[in-house]
Amino acid sequence: MGELRWVDDLANREGVPHAMSAQAWLDREDLATLCRLMARIHW
């Protein structure tokens, strides 16, 4: 659940609905998008 919490935190910062972030994590289709968002936030 740590990974899902990370996704939720990222989604909250980006203003993405929880269900959308959870679906992206579970499907992994949008994982690259999440990684790009993370890169923009953290680097």
N, C-alpha and C. Protein backbone atom coordinates (compact mmCIF):
# COMPACT_ATOMS: atom_id res chain seq x y z
N MET A 1 0.82 -1.20 0.00
CA MET A 1 0.00 0.00 0.00
C MET A 1 0.86 1.26 0.00
N GLY A 2 2.13 1.12 0.28
CA GLY A 2 2.99 2.28 0.26
C GLY A 2 3.01 2.94 -1.11
N GLU A 3 3.01 2.12 -2.17
CA GLU A 3 3.03 2.67 -3.52
C GLU A 3 1.74 3.43 -3.80
N LEU A 4 0.61 2.87 -3.38
CA LEU A 4 -0.66 3.53 -3.63
C LEU A 4 -0.72 4.85 -2.85
N ARG A 5 -0.18 4.87 -1.64
CA ARG A 5 -0.15 6.11 -0.86
C ARG A 5 0.67 7.16 -1.61
N TRP A 6 1.80 6.74 -2.19
CA TRP A 6 2.64 7.67 -2.95
C TRP A 6 1.86 8.24 -4.13
N VAL A 7 1.13 7.36 -4.81
CA VAL A 7 0.33 7.81 -5.95
C VAL A 7 -0.75 8.78 -5.49
N ASP A 8 -1.39 8.47 -4.35
CA ASP A 8 -2.40 9.37 -3.82
C ASP A 8 -1.81 10.73 -3.49
N ASP A 9 -0.64 10.76 -2.86
CA ASP A 9 0.01 12.02 -2.52
C ASP A 9 0.33 12.82 -3.78
N LEU A 10 0.85 12.13 -4.78
CA LEU A 10 1.17 12.79 -6.05
C LEU A 10 -0.10 13.34 -6.68
N ALA A 11 -1.15 12.53 -6.68
CA ALA A 11 -2.41 12.95 -7.29
C ALA A 11 -2.98 14.16 -6.55
N ASN A 12 -2.87 14.18 -5.24
CA ASN A 12 -3.37 15.31 -4.47
C ASN A 12 -2.64 16.58 -4.85
N ARG A 13 -1.34 16.50 -5.03
CA ARG A 13 -0.56 17.68 -5.43
C ARG A 13 -0.94 18.15 -6.83
N GLU A 14 -1.26 17.18 -7.69
CA GLU A 14 -1.58 17.51 -9.08
C GLU A 14 -3.07 17.82 -9.27
N GLY A 15 -3.88 17.60 -8.24
CA GLY A 15 -5.31 17.84 -8.36
C GLY A 15 -6.03 16.77 -9.16
N VAL A 16 -5.49 15.56 -9.15
CA VAL A 16 -6.10 14.45 -9.88
C VAL A 16 -7.00 13.68 -8.91
N PRO A 17 -8.22 13.32 -9.32
CA PRO A 17 -9.11 12.56 -8.44
C PRO A 17 -8.48 11.25 -7.98
N HIS A 18 -8.81 10.85 -6.76
CA HIS A 18 -8.24 9.64 -6.18
C HIS A 18 -8.49 8.42 -7.07
N ALA A 19 -9.72 8.26 -7.53
CA ALA A 19 -10.05 7.09 -8.34
C ALA A 19 -9.21 7.04 -9.61
N MET A 20 -8.97 8.20 -10.19
CA MET A 20 -8.18 8.27 -11.42
C MET A 20 -6.74 7.85 -11.14
N SER A 21 -6.17 8.32 -10.03
CA SER A 21 -4.80 7.96 -9.70
C SER A 21 -4.69 6.48 -9.37
N ALA A 22 -5.66 5.96 -8.63
CA ALA A 22 -5.64 4.55 -8.27
C ALA A 22 -5.76 3.68 -9.52
N GLN A 23 -6.63 4.08 -10.44
CA GLN A 23 -6.80 3.32 -11.67
C GLN A 23 -5.51 3.33 -12.49
N ALA A 24 -4.86 4.49 -12.54
CA ALA A 24 -3.61 4.59 -13.29
C ALA A 24 -2.57 3.66 -12.69
N TRP A 25 -2.51 3.61 -11.35
CA TRP A 25 -1.52 2.75 -10.70
C TRP A 25 -1.84 1.28 -10.96
N LEU A 26 -3.11 0.91 -10.84
CA LEU A 26 -3.48 -0.49 -10.99
C LEU A 26 -3.30 -0.95 -12.43
N ASP A 27 -3.62 -0.10 -13.38
CA ASP A 27 -3.51 -0.48 -14.79
C ASP A 27 -2.08 -0.38 -15.30
N ARG A 28 -1.31 0.52 -14.68
CA ARG A 28 0.08 0.77 -15.08
C ARG A 28 0.19 1.35 -16.48
N GLU A 29 -0.91 1.62 -17.14
CA GLU A 29 -0.84 2.21 -18.48
C GLU A 29 -0.35 3.65 -18.41
N ASP A 30 -0.73 4.34 -17.33
CA ASP A 30 -0.36 5.74 -17.18
C ASP A 30 0.82 5.92 -16.24
N LEU A 31 1.51 4.83 -15.93
CA LEU A 31 2.62 4.92 -14.99
C LEU A 31 3.71 5.86 -15.50
N ALA A 32 3.95 5.84 -16.80
CA ALA A 32 4.95 6.75 -17.37
C ALA A 32 4.55 8.20 -17.15
N THR A 33 3.26 8.48 -17.27
CA THR A 33 2.77 9.84 -17.02
C THR A 33 2.99 10.22 -15.57
N LEU A 34 2.69 9.30 -14.66
CA LEU A 34 2.92 9.58 -13.24
C LEU A 34 4.39 9.82 -12.97
N CYS A 35 5.25 9.05 -13.63
CA CYS A 35 6.69 9.24 -13.44
C CYS A 35 7.13 10.61 -13.95
N ARG A 36 6.56 11.05 -15.06
CA ARG A 36 6.90 12.38 -15.56
C ARG A 36 6.43 13.46 -14.59
N LEU A 37 5.24 13.27 -14.01
CA LEU A 37 4.76 14.23 -13.01
C LEU A 37 5.68 14.25 -11.81
N MET A 38 6.11 13.07 -11.37
CA MET A 38 7.02 12.98 -10.23
C MET A 38 8.32 13.70 -10.55
N ALA A 39 8.83 13.50 -11.75
CA ALA A 39 10.09 14.13 -12.14
C ALA A 39 9.95 15.65 -12.12
N ARG A 40 8.82 16.14 -12.58
CA ARG A 40 8.59 17.58 -12.60
C ARG A 40 8.51 18.13 -11.18
N ILE A 41 7.94 17.36 -10.27
CA ILE A 41 7.78 17.82 -8.89
C ILE A 41 9.09 17.74 -8.11
N HIS A 42 9.82 16.64 -8.27
CA HIS A 42 10.96 16.36 -7.40
C HIS A 42 12.30 16.80 -7.96
N TRP A 43 12.38 17.04 -9.29
CA TRP A 43 13.68 17.40 -9.85
C TRP A 43 13.64 18.73 -10.54
